[in-house]
């Protein structure tokens, strides 16, 4: 069951990435990646990196969880379940912040 949830979560993140690449500031070559506490942009990344960073980080985290919790299946499944819910939510938040920031810059 956990593998179905993981696959669905990765699929959702891939869909968010594809949608964001096509629709969020299509004219911008670089998108914001980090903001300061005052709301100023700290740095920007190339468009493809900005939309692919979250899914790649999530997949990396899944691999790390599999490596370090291979003996305790209940702990592994709980960690993977949390990651599968938090990953897409954080990516959607990031893309919403990017869209808002780019819109306000225009």
PDB file of N, CA and C in Angstrom:
ATOM      1  N   UNK A   1       0.816  -1.202   0.000  1.00  0.00           N
ATOM      2  CA  UNK A   1       0.000   0.000   0.000  1.00  0.00           C
ATOM      3  C   UNK A   1       0.861   1.268   0.000  1.00  0.00           C
ATOM      4  N   UNK A   2       1.940   1.249   0.786  1.00  0.00           N
ATOM      5  CA  UNK A   2       2.794   2.438   0.871  1.00  0.00           C
ATOM      6  C   UNK A   2       3.425   2.754  -0.478  1.00  0.00           C
ATOM      7  N   UNK A   3       3.690   1.714  -1.263  1.00  0.00           N
ATOM      8  CA  UNK A   3       4.315   1.943  -2.571  1.00  0.00           C
ATOM      9  C   UNK A   3       3.343   2.607  -3.545  1.00  0.00           C
ATOM     10  N   UNK A   4       2.076   2.318  -3.403  1.00  0.00           N
ATOM     11  CA  UNK A   4       1.062   2.983  -4.231  1.00  0.00           C
ATOM     12  C   UNK A   4       0.997   4.466  -3.858  1.00  0.00           C
ATOM     13  N   UNK A   5       1.019   4.748  -2.561  1.00  0.00           N
ATOM     14  CA  UNK A   5       0.982   6.134  -2.096  1.00  0.00           C
ATOM     15  C   UNK A   5       2.232   6.882  -2.567  1.00  0.00           C
ATOM     16  N   UNK A   6       3.394   6.235  -2.481  1.00  0.00           N
ATOM     17  CA  UNK A   6       4.636   6.870  -2.956  1.00  0.00           C
ATOM     18  C   UNK A   6       4.583   7.155  -4.448  1.00  0.00           C
ATOM     19  N   UNK A   7       4.126   6.178  -5.214  1.00  0.00           N
ATOM     20  CA  UNK A   7       4.037   6.369  -6.668  1.00  0.00           C
ATOM     21  C   UNK A   7       3.069   7.498  -7.006  1.00  0.00           C
ATOM     22  N   UNK A   8       1.952   7.537  -6.319  1.00  0.00           N
ATOM     23  CA  UNK A   8       0.973   8.603  -6.539  1.00  0.00           C
ATOM     24  C   UNK A   8       1.560   9.961  -6.173  1.00  0.00           C
ATOM     25  N   UNK A   9       2.286  10.018  -5.065  1.00  0.00           N
ATOM     26  CA  UNK A   9       2.908  11.264  -4.628  1.00  0.00           C
ATOM     27  C   UNK A   9       3.951  11.756  -5.628  1.00  0.00           C
ATOM     28  N   UNK A  10       4.781  10.845  -6.107  1.00  0.00           N
ATOM     29  CA  UNK A  10       5.789  11.225  -7.107  1.00  0.00           C
ATOM     30  C   UNK A  10       5.103  11.668  -8.396  1.00  0.00           C
ATOM     31  N   UNK A  11       4.024  10.999  -8.763  1.00  0.00           N
ATOM     32  CA  UNK A  11       3.261  11.414  -9.944  1.00  0.00           C
ATOM     33  C   UNK A  11       2.664  12.803  -9.794  1.00  0.00           C
ATOM     34  N   UNK A  12       2.153  13.102  -8.607  1.00  0.00           N
ATOM     35  CA  UNK A  12       1.603  14.437  -8.343  1.00  0.00           C
ATOM     36  C   UNK A  12       2.700  15.489  -8.454  1.00  0.00           C
ATOM     37  N   UNK A  13       3.863  15.192  -7.881  1.00  0.00           N
ATOM     38  CA  UNK A  13       4.967  16.155  -7.950  1.00  0.00           C
ATOM     39  C   UNK A  13       5.446  16.348  -9.389  1.00  0.00           C
ATOM     40  N   UNK A  14       5.473  15.278 -10.158  1.00  0.00           N
ATOM     41  CA  UNK A  14       5.856  15.407 -11.574  1.00  0.00           C
ATOM     42  C   UNK A  14       4.831  16.263 -12.315  1.00  0.00           C
ATOM     43  N   UNK A  15       3.554  16.068 -12.013  1.00  0.00           N
ATOM     44  CA  UNK A  15       2.504  16.878 -12.647  1.00  0.00           C
ATOM     45  C   UNK A  15       2.626  18.350 -12.278  1.00  0.00           C
ATOM     46  N   UNK A  16       2.904  18.622 -11.002  1.00  0.00           N
ATOM     47  CA  UNK A  16       3.102  20.007 -10.569  1.00  0.00           C
ATOM     48  C   UNK A  16       4.285  20.620 -11.310  1.00  0.00           C
ATOM     49  N   UNK A  17       5.371  19.856 -11.453  1.00  0.00           N
ATOM     50  CA  UNK A  17       6.564  20.363 -12.147  1.00  0.00           C
ATOM     51  C   UNK A  17       6.268  20.685 -13.609  1.00  0.00           C
ATOM     52  N   UNK A  18       5.583  19.787 -14.270  1.00  0.00           N
ATOM     53  CA  UNK A  18       5.251  20.013 -15.691  1.00  0.00           C
ATOM     54  C   UNK A  18       4.348  21.227 -15.821  1.00  0.00           C
ATOM     55  N   UNK A  19       3.325  21.305 -14.974  1.00  0.00           N
ATOM     56  CA  UNK A  19       2.419  22.447 -15.020  1.00  0.00           C
ATOM     57  C   UNK A  19       3.172  23.754 -14.748  1.00  0.00           C
ATOM     58  N   UNK A  20       4.022  23.745 -13.725  1.00  0.00           N
ATOM     59  CA  UNK A  20       4.754  24.961 -13.357  1.00  0.00           C
ATOM     60  C   UNK A  20       5.719  25.373 -14.460  1.00  0.00           C
ATOM     61  N   UNK A  21       6.376  24.414 -15.077  1.00  0.00           N
ATOM     62  CA  UNK A  21       7.320  24.749 -16.146  1.00  0.00           C
ATOM     63  C   UNK A  21       6.605  25.461 -17.293  1.00  0.00           C
ATOM     64  N   UNK A  22       5.405  25.021 -17.588  1.00  0.00           N
ATOM     65  CA  UNK A  22       4.655  25.604 -18.707  1.00  0.00           C
ATOM     66  C   UNK A  22       3.931  26.900 -18.352  1.00  0.00           C
ATOM     67  N   UNK A  23       3.481  27.039 -17.105  1.00  0.00           N
ATOM     68  CA  UNK A  23       2.568  28.134 -16.770  1.00  0.00           C
ATOM     69  C   UNK A  23       3.104  29.204 -15.833  1.00  0.00           C
ATOM     70  N   UNK A  24       4.064  28.888 -14.995  1.00  0.00           N
ATOM     71  CA  UNK A  24       4.554  29.872 -14.025  1.00  0.00           C
ATOM     72  C   UNK A  24       5.669  30.690 -14.671  1.00  0.00           C
ATOM     73  N   UNK A  25       5.370  31.941 -14.927  1.00  0.00           N
ATOM     74  CA  UNK A  25       6.325  32.882 -15.521  1.00  0.00           C
ATOM     75  C   UNK A  25       7.042  32.297 -16.735  1.00  0.00           C
ATOM     76  N   UNK A  26       6.303  31.975 -17.794  1.00  0.00           N
ATOM     77  CA  UNK A  26       6.926  31.333 -18.958  1.00  0.00           C
ATOM     78  C   UNK A  26       8.007  32.180 -19.629  1.00  0.00           C
ATOM     79  N   UNK A  27       8.001  33.487 -19.396  1.00  0.00           N
ATOM     80  CA  UNK A  27       9.002  34.350 -20.009  1.00  0.00           C
ATOM     81  C   UNK A  27      10.300  34.415 -19.205  1.00  0.00           C
ATOM     82  N   UNK A  28      10.294  33.944 -17.962  1.00  0.00           N
ATOM     83  CA  UNK A  28      11.470  34.050 -17.086  1.00  0.00           C
ATOM     84  C   UNK A  28      12.428  32.880 -17.311  1.00  0.00           C
ATOM     85  N   UNK A  29      13.715  33.200 -17.425  1.00  0.00           N
ATOM     86  CA  UNK A  29      14.733  32.159 -17.561  1.00  0.00           C
ATOM     87  C   UNK A  29      15.130  31.577 -16.214  1.00  0.00           C
ATOM     88  N   UNK A  30      15.027  32.397 -15.161  1.00  0.00           N
ATOM     89  CA  UNK A  30      15.418  31.959 -13.811  1.00  0.00           C
ATOM     90  C   UNK A  30      14.260  32.246 -12.860  1.00  0.00           C
ATOM     91  N   UNK A  31      14.012  31.317 -11.940  1.00  0.00           N
ATOM     92  CA  UNK A  31      12.912  31.454 -10.994  1.00  0.00           C
ATOM     93  C   UNK A  31      13.460  31.530  -9.563  1.00  0.00           C
ATOM     94  N   UNK A  32      12.757  32.244  -8.684  1.00  0.00           N
ATOM     95  CA  UNK A  32      13.208  32.351  -7.287  1.00  0.00           C
ATOM     96  C   UNK A  32      13.223  30.984  -6.602  1.00  0.00           C
ATOM     97  N   UNK A  33      14.229  30.783  -5.754  1.00  0.00           N
ATOM     98  CA  UNK A  33      14.338  29.531  -5.009  1.00  0.00           C
ATOM     99  C   UNK A  33      14.299  29.747  -3.507  1.00  0.00           C
ATOM    100  N   UNK A  34      14.711  30.918  -3.045  1.00  0.00           N
ATOM    101  CA  UNK A  34      14.762  31.163  -1.603  1.00  0.00           C
ATOM    102  C   UNK A  34      14.483  32.634  -1.343  1.00  0.00           C
ATOM    103  N   UNK A  35      13.757  32.890  -0.250  1.00  0.00           N
ATOM    104  CA  UNK A  35      13.422  34.234   0.148  1.00  0.00           C
ATOM    105  C   UNK A  35      13.956  34.510   1.542  1.00  0.00           C
ATOM    106  N   UNK A  36      14.289  35.771   1.811  1.00  0.00           N
ATOM    107  CA  UNK A  36      14.721  36.156   3.154  1.00  0.00           C
ATOM    108  C   UNK A  36      13.489  36.334   4.036  1.00  0.00           C
ATOM    109  N   UNK A  37      13.715  36.595   5.311  1.00  0.00           N
ATOM    110  CA  UNK A  37      12.611  36.819   6.245  1.00  0.00           C
ATOM    111  C   UNK A  37      11.831  38.078   5.877  1.00  0.00           C
ATOM    112  N   UNK A  38      12.471  39.004   5.171  1.00  0.00           N
ATOM    113  CA  UNK A  38      11.806  40.238   4.731  1.00  0.00           C
ATOM    114  C   UNK A  38      11.097  40.077   3.398  1.00  0.00           C
ATOM    115  N   UNK A  39      11.170  38.885   2.811  1.00  0.00           N
ATOM    116  CA  UNK A  39      10.482  38.622   1.552  1.00  0.00           C
ATOM    117  C   UNK A  39      11.287  38.946   0.314  1.00  0.00           C
ATOM    118  N   UNK A  40      12.571  39.251   0.482  1.00  0.00           N
ATOM    119  CA  UNK A  40      13.429  39.535  -0.668  1.00  0.00           C
ATOM    120  C   UNK A  40      14.003  38.224  -1.203  1.00  0.00           C
ATOM    121  N   UNK A  41      14.204  38.164  -2.487  1.00  0.00           N
ATOM    122  CA  UNK A  41      14.728  36.954  -3.111  1.00  0.00           C
ATOM    123  C   UNK A  41      16.222  36.846  -2.819  1.00  0.00           C
ATOM    124  N   UNK A  42      16.629  35.715  -2.252  1.00  0.00           N
ATOM    125  CA  UNK A  42      18.045  35.480  -1.964  1.00  0.00           C
ATOM    126  C   UNK A  42      18.787  34.956  -3.188  1.00  0.00           C
ATOM    127  N   UNK A  43      18.176  34.035  -3.912  1.00  0.00           N
ATOM    128  CA  UNK A  43      18.820  33.524  -5.121  1.00  0.00           C
ATOM    129  C   UNK A  43      17.785  32.912  -6.050  1.00  0.00           C
ATOM    130  N   UNK A  44      18.184  32.829  -7.301  1.00  0.00           N
ATOM    131  CA  UNK A  44      17.334  32.254  -8.353  1.00  0.00           C
ATOM    132  C   UNK A  44      18.068  31.094  -9.007  1.00  0.00           C
ATOM    133  N   UNK A  45      17.296  30.179  -9.575  1.00  0.00           N
ATOM    134  CA  UNK A  45      17.871  29.025 -10.271  1.00  0.00           C
ATOM    135  C   UNK A  45      17.327  28.992 -11.693  1.00  0.00           C
ATOM    136  N   UNK A  46      18.039  28.324 -12.594  1.00  0.00           N
ATOM    137  CA  UNK A  46      17.484  28.144 -13.941  1.00  0.00           C
ATOM    138  C   UNK A  46      16.115  27.472 -13.848  1.00  0.00           C
ATOM    139  N   UNK A  47      15.273  27.795 -14.765  1.00  0.00           N
ATOM    140  CA  UNK A  47      13.877  27.351 -14.765  1.00  0.00           C
ATOM    141  C   UNK A  47      13.714  25.848 -14.523  1.00  0.00           C
ATOM    142  N   UNK A  48      14.450  25.024 -15.249  1.00  0.00           N
ATOM    143  CA  UNK A  48      14.307  23.572 -15.129  1.00  0.00           C
ATOM    144  C   UNK A  48      14.745  23.095 -13.750  1.00  0.00           C
ATOM    145  N   UNK A  49      15.775  23.709 -13.197  1.00  0.00           N
ATOM    146  CA  UNK A  49      16.249  23.338 -11.854  1.00  0.00           C
ATOM    147  C   UNK A  49      15.203  23.728 -10.810  1.00  0.00           C
ATOM    148  N   UNK A  50      14.611  24.890 -10.974  1.00  0.00           N
ATOM    149  CA  UNK A  50      13.630  25.380 -10.003  1.00  0.00           C
ATOM    150  C   UNK A  50      12.404  24.474  -9.923  1.00  0.00           C
ATOM    151  N   UNK A  51      11.932  23.981 -11.044  1.00  0.00           N
ATOM    152  CA  UNK A  51      10.729  23.143 -11.011  1.00  0.00           C
ATOM    153  C   UNK A  51      11.044  21.675 -10.726  1.00  0.00           C
ATOM    154  N   UNK A  52      12.278  21.250 -10.955  1.00  0.00           N
ATOM    155  CA  UNK A  52      12.634  19.848 -10.728  1.00  0.00           C
ATOM    156  C   UNK A  52      13.292  19.598  -9.375  1.00  0.00           C
ATOM    157  N   UNK A  53      13.647  20.629  -8.655  1.00  0.00           N
ATOM    158  CA  UNK A  53      14.381  20.454  -7.398  1.00  0.00           C
ATOM    159  C   UNK A  53      13.573  19.682  -6.363  1.00  0.00           C
ATOM    160  N   UNK A  54      12.322  20.029  -6.158  1.00  0.00           N
ATOM    161  CA  UNK A  54      11.516  19.368  -5.130  1.00  0.00           C
ATOM    162  C   UNK A  54      11.312  17.882  -5.398  1.00  0.00           C
ATOM    163  N   UNK A  55      10.917  17.478  -6.614  1.00  0.00           N
ATOM    164  CA  UNK A  55      10.772  16.042  -6.851  1.00  0.00           C
ATOM    165  C   UNK A  55      12.092  15.279  -6.705  1.00  0.00           C
ATOM    166  N   UNK A  56      13.187  15.873  -7.135  1.00  0.00           N
ATOM    167  CA  UNK A  56      14.480  15.201  -6.993  1.00  0.00           C
ATOM    168  C   UNK A  56      14.894  15.074  -5.534  1.00  0.00           C
ATOM    169  N   UNK A  57      14.627  16.110  -4.747  1.00  0.00           N
ATOM    170  CA  UNK A  57      14.911  16.030  -3.315  1.00  0.00           C
ATOM    171  C   UNK A  57      14.051  14.975  -2.636  1.00  0.00           C
ATOM    172  N   UNK A  58      12.800  14.878  -3.047  1.00  0.00           N
ATOM    173  CA  UNK A  58      11.912  13.883  -2.460  1.00  0.00           C
ATOM    174  C   UNK A  58      12.377  12.463  -2.794  1.00  0.00           C
ATOM    175  N   UNK A  59      12.752  12.228  -4.025  1.00  0.00           N
ATOM    176  CA  UNK A  59      13.242  10.907  -4.412  1.00  0.00           C
ATOM    177  C   UNK A  59      14.526  10.581  -3.659  1.00  0.00           C
ATOM    178  N   UNK A  60      15.396  11.563  -3.499  1.00  0.00           N
ATOM    179  CA  UNK A  60      16.623  11.351  -2.712  1.00  0.00           C
ATOM    180  C   UNK A  60      16.299  11.006  -1.265  1.00  0.00           C
ATOM    181  N   UNK A  61      15.335  11.698  -0.696  1.00  0.00           N
ATOM    182  CA  UNK A  61      14.936  11.425   0.677  1.00  0.00           C
ATOM    183  C   UNK A  61      14.334  10.022   0.810  1.00  0.00           C
ATOM    184  N   UNK A  62      13.571   9.599  -0.163  1.00  0.00           N
ATOM    185  CA  UNK A  62      13.001   8.245  -0.154  1.00  0.00           C
ATOM    186  C   UNK A  62      14.114   7.202  -0.173  1.00  0.00           C
ATOM    187  N   UNK A  63      15.121   7.412  -0.999  1.00  0.00           N
ATOM    188  CA  UNK A  63      16.250   6.481  -1.057  1.00  0.00           C
ATOM    189  C   UNK A  63      16.980   6.443   0.282  1.00  0.00           C
ATOM    190  N   UNK A  64      17.205   7.594   0.882  1.00  0.00           N
ATOM    191  CA  UNK A  64      17.879   7.649   2.187  1.00  0.00           C
ATOM    192  C   UNK A  64      17.060   6.920   3.250  1.00  0.00           C
ATOM    193  N   UNK A  65      15.761   7.106   3.229  1.00  0.00           N
ATOM    194  CA  UNK A  65      14.899   6.408   4.186  1.00  0.00           C
ATOM    195  C   UNK A  65      15.004   4.902   3.993  1.00  0.00           C
ATOM    196  N   UNK A  66      14.985   4.448   2.745  1.00  0.00           N
ATOM    197  CA  UNK A  66      15.119   3.015   2.478  1.00  0.00           C
ATOM    198  C   UNK A  66      16.457   2.470   2.973  1.00  0.00           C
ATOM    199  N   UNK A  67      17.524   3.230   2.798  1.00  0.00           N
ATOM    200  CA  UNK A  67      18.855   2.763   3.208  1.00  0.00           C
ATOM    201  C   UNK A  67      18.973   2.681   4.727  1.00  0.00           C
ATOM    202  N   UNK A  68      18.528   3.718   5.423  1.00  0.00           N
ATOM    203  CA  UNK A  68      18.770   3.782   6.862  1.00  0.00           C
ATOM    204  C   UNK A  68      17.708   3.101   7.725  1.00  0.00           C
ATOM    205  N   UNK A  69      16.582   2.727   7.157  1.00  0.00           N
ATOM    206  CA  UNK A  69      15.561   2.060   7.971  1.00  0.00           C
ATOM    207  C   UNK A  69      15.158   0.719   7.358  1.00  0.00           C
ATOM    208  N   UNK A  70      16.105   0.032   6.774  1.00  0.00           N
ATOM    209  CA  UNK A  70      15.790  -1.230   6.101  1.00  0.00           C
ATOM    210  C   UNK A  70      15.436  -2.359   7.057  1.00  0.00           C
ATOM    211  N   UNK A  71      15.770  -2.225   8.344  1.00  0.00           N
ATOM    212  CA  UNK A  71      15.475  -3.291   9.301  1.00  0.00           C
ATOM    213  C   UNK A  71      14.162  -3.081  10.047  1.00  0.00           C
ATOM    214  N   UNK A  72      13.717  -1.847  10.112  1.00  0.00           N
ATOM    215  CA  UNK A  72      12.464  -1.553  10.820  1.00  0.00           C
ATOM    216  C   UNK A  72      11.419  -1.110   9.795  1.00  0.00           C
ATOM    217  N   UNK A  73      10.610  -2.050   9.335  1.00  0.00           N
ATOM    218  CA  UNK A  73       9.653  -1.762   8.263  1.00  0.00           C
ATOM    219  C   UNK A  73       8.538  -0.813   8.699  1.00  0.00           C
ATOM    220  N   UNK A  74       8.115  -0.898   9.940  1.00  0.00           N
ATOM    221  CA  UNK A  74       7.055   0.001  10.410  1.00  0.00           C
ATOM    222  C   UNK A  74       7.551   1.445  10.436  1.00  0.00           C
ATOM    223  N   UNK A  75       8.776   1.640  10.908  1.00  0.00           N
ATOM    224  CA  UNK A  75       9.362   2.984  10.937  1.00  0.00           C
ATOM    225  C   UNK A  75       9.556   3.508   9.521  1.00  0.00           C
ATOM    226  N   UNK A  76      10.055   2.663   8.640  1.00  0.00           N
ATOM    227  CA  UNK A  76      10.261   3.057   7.244  1.00  0.00           C
ATOM    228  C   UNK A  76       8.946   3.461   6.595  1.00  0.00           C
ATOM    229  N   UNK A  77       7.913   2.659   6.773  1.00  0.00           N
ATOM    230  CA  UNK A  77       6.629   2.952   6.142  1.00  0.00           C
ATOM    231  C   UNK A  77       6.015   4.246   6.674  1.00  0.00           C
ATOM    232  N   UNK A  78       6.167   4.499   7.968  1.00  0.00           N
ATOM    233  CA  UNK A  78       5.636   5.735   8.530  1.00  0.00           C
ATOM    234  C   UNK A  78       6.396   6.948   7.977  1.00  0.00           C
ATOM    235  N   UNK A  79       7.713   6.854   7.894  1.00  0.00           N
ATOM    236  CA  UNK A  79       8.513   7.954   7.335  1.00  0.00           C
ATOM    237  C   UNK A  79       8.149   8.188   5.866  1.00  0.00           C
ATOM    238  N   UNK A  80       7.990   7.124   5.114  1.00  0.00           N
ATOM    239  CA  UNK A  80       7.634   7.267   3.700  1.00  0.00           C
ATOM    240  C   UNK A  80       6.241   7.853   3.531  1.00  0.00           C
ATOM    241  N   UNK A  81       5.339   7.493   4.414  1.00  0.00           N
ATOM    242  CA  UNK A  81       3.993   8.055   4.352  1.00  0.00           C
ATOM    243  C   UNK A  81       4.019   9.562   4.596  1.00  0.00           C
ATOM    244  N   UNK A  82       4.778   9.995   5.605  1.00  0.00           N
ATOM    245  CA  UNK A  82       4.901  11.428   5.864  1.00  0.00           C
ATOM    246  C   UNK A  82       5.522  12.162   4.682  1.00  0.00           C
ATOM    247  N   UNK A  83       6.575  11.596   4.128  1.00  0.00           N
ATOM    248  CA  UNK A  83       7.246  12.223   2.983  1.00  0.00           C
ATOM    249  C   UNK A  83       6.291  12.319   1.796  1.00  0.00           C
ATOM    250  N   UNK A  84       5.486  11.294   1.600  1.00  0.00           N
ATOM    251  CA  UNK A  84       4.586  11.284   0.447  1.00  0.00           C
ATOM    252  C   UNK A  84       3.497  12.345   0.553  1.00  0.00           C
ATOM    253  N   UNK A  85       3.150  12.769   1.757  1.00  0.00           N
ATOM    254  CA  UNK A  85       2.158  13.837   1.922  1.00  0.00           C
ATOM    255  C   UNK A  85       2.804  15.218   1.969  1.00  0.00           C
ATOM    256  N   UNK A  86       3.938  15.313   2.608  1.00  0.00           N
ATOM    257  CA  UNK A  86       4.594  16.614   2.776  1.00  0.00           C
ATOM    258  C   UNK A  86       5.255  17.094   1.475  1.00  0.00           C
ATOM    259  N   UNK A  87       5.839  16.180   0.698  1.00  0.00           N
ATOM    260  CA  UNK A  87       6.547  16.554  -0.534  1.00  0.00           C
ATOM    261  C   UNK A  87       5.697  17.348  -1.516  1.00  0.00           C
ATOM    262  N   UNK A  88       4.557  16.804  -1.950  1.00  0.00           N
ATOM    263  CA  UNK A  88       3.727  17.570  -2.893  1.00  0.00           C
ATOM    264  C   UNK A  88       3.208  18.882  -2.319  1.00  0.00           C
ATOM    265  N   UNK A  89       2.901  18.892  -1.029  1.00  0.00           N
ATOM    266  CA  UNK A  89       2.405  20.134  -0.413  1.00  0.00           C
ATOM    267  C   UNK A  89       3.477  21.217  -0.436  1.00  0.00           C
ATOM    268  N   UNK A  90       4.709  20.850  -0.110  1.00  0.00           N
ATOM    269  CA  UNK A  90       5.796  21.839  -0.127  1.00  0.00           C
ATOM    270  C   UNK A  90       6.113  22.310  -1.539  1.00  0.00           C
ATOM    271  N   UNK A  91       6.046  21.395  -2.495  1.00  0.00           N
ATOM    272  CA  UNK A  91       6.296  21.811  -3.870  1.00  0.00           C
ATOM    273  C   UNK A  91       5.202  22.758  -4.364  1.00  0.00           C
ATOM    274  N   UNK A  92       3.953  22.460  -4.045  1.00  0.00           N
ATOM    275  CA  UNK A  92       2.858  23.353  -4.438  1.00  0.00           C
ATOM    276  C   UNK A  92       3.017  24.726  -3.790  1.00  0.00           C
ATOM    277  N   UNK A  93       3.432  24.748  -2.527  1.00  0.00           N
ATOM    278  CA  UNK A  93       3.682  26.021  -1.840  1.00  0.00           C
ATOM    279  C   UNK A  93       4.806  26.797  -2.524  1.00  0.00           C
ATOM    280  N   UNK A  94       5.882  26.109  -2.857  1.00  0.00           N
ATOM    281  CA  UNK A  94       7.005  26.774  -3.521  1.00  0.00           C
ATOM    282  C   UNK A  94       6.574  27.365  -4.861  1.00  0.00           C
ATOM    283  N   UNK A  95       5.838  26.603  -5.651  1.00  0.00           N
ATOM    284  CA  UNK A  95       5.414  27.108  -6.958  1.00  0.00           C
ATOM    285  C   UNK A  95       4.425  28.268  -6.806  1.00  0.00           C
ATOM    286  N   UNK A  96       3.589  28.228  -5.767  1.00  0.00           N
ATOM    287  CA  UNK A  96       2.677  29.355  -5.517  1.00  0.00           C
ATOM    288  C   UNK A  96       3.458  30.604  -5.137  1.00  0.00           C
ATOM    289  N   UNK A  97       4.473  30.445  -4.314  1.00  0.00           N
ATOM    290  CA  UNK A  97       5.317  31.588  -3.945  1.00  0.00           C
ATOM    291  C   UNK A  97       6.072  32.133  -5.152  1.00  0.00           C
ATOM    292  N   UNK A  98       6.561  31.251  -5.993  1.00  0.00           N
ATOM    293  CA  UNK A  98       7.255  31.686  -7.214  1.00  0.00           C
ATOM    294  C   UNK A  98       6.300  32.474  -8.094  1.00  0.00           C
ATOM    295  N   UNK A  99       5.113  31.942  -8.313  1.00  0.00           N
ATOM    296  CA  UNK A  99       4.123  32.620  -9.164  1.00  0.00           C
ATOM    297  C   UNK A  99       3.765  33.987  -8.606  1.00  0.00           C
ATOM    298  N   UNK A 100       3.549  34.055  -7.292  1.00  0.00           N
ATOM    299  CA  UNK A 100       3.202  35.337  -6.668  1.00  0.00           C
ATOM    300  C   UNK A 100       4.342  36.339  -6.780  1.00  0.00           C
ATOM    301  N   UNK A 101       5.549  35.878  -6.545  1.00  0.00           N
ATOM    302  CA  UNK A 101       6.715  36.766  -6.611  1.00  0.00           C
ATOM    303  C   UNK A 101       6.907  37.314  -8.011  1.00  0.00           C
ATOM    304  N   UNK A 102       6.836  36.452  -9.004  1.00  0.00           N
ATOM    305  CA  UNK A 102       7.038  36.872 -10.398  1.00  0.00           C
ATOM    306  C   UNK A 102       5.924  37.814 -10.827  1.00  0.00           C
ATOM    307  N   UNK A 103       4.689  37.530 -10.392  1.00  0.00           N
ATOM    308  CA  UNK A 103       3.563  38.393 -10.726  1.00  0.00           C
ATOM    309  C   UNK A 103       3.740  39.781 -10.106  1.00  0.00           C
ATOM    310  N   UNK A 104       4.220  39.845  -8.883  1.00  0.00           N
ATOM    311  CA  UNK A 104       4.409  41.138  -8.216  1.00  0.00           C
ATOM    312  C   UNK A 104       5.575  41.923  -8.798  1.00  0.00           C
ATOM    313  N   UNK A 105       6.541  41.246  -9.423  1.00  0.00           N
ATOM    314  CA  UNK A 105       7.674  41.934 -10.043  1.00  0.00           C
ATOM    315  C   UNK A 105       7.279  42.635 -11.323  1.00  0.00           C
ATOM    316  N   UNK A 106       6.211  42.185 -11.952  1.00  0.00           N
ATOM    317  CA  UNK A 106       5.799  42.773 -13.245  1.00  0.00           C
ATOM    318  C   UNK A 106       5.100  44.083 -13.085  1.00  0.00           C
TER     319      UNK A 106
END
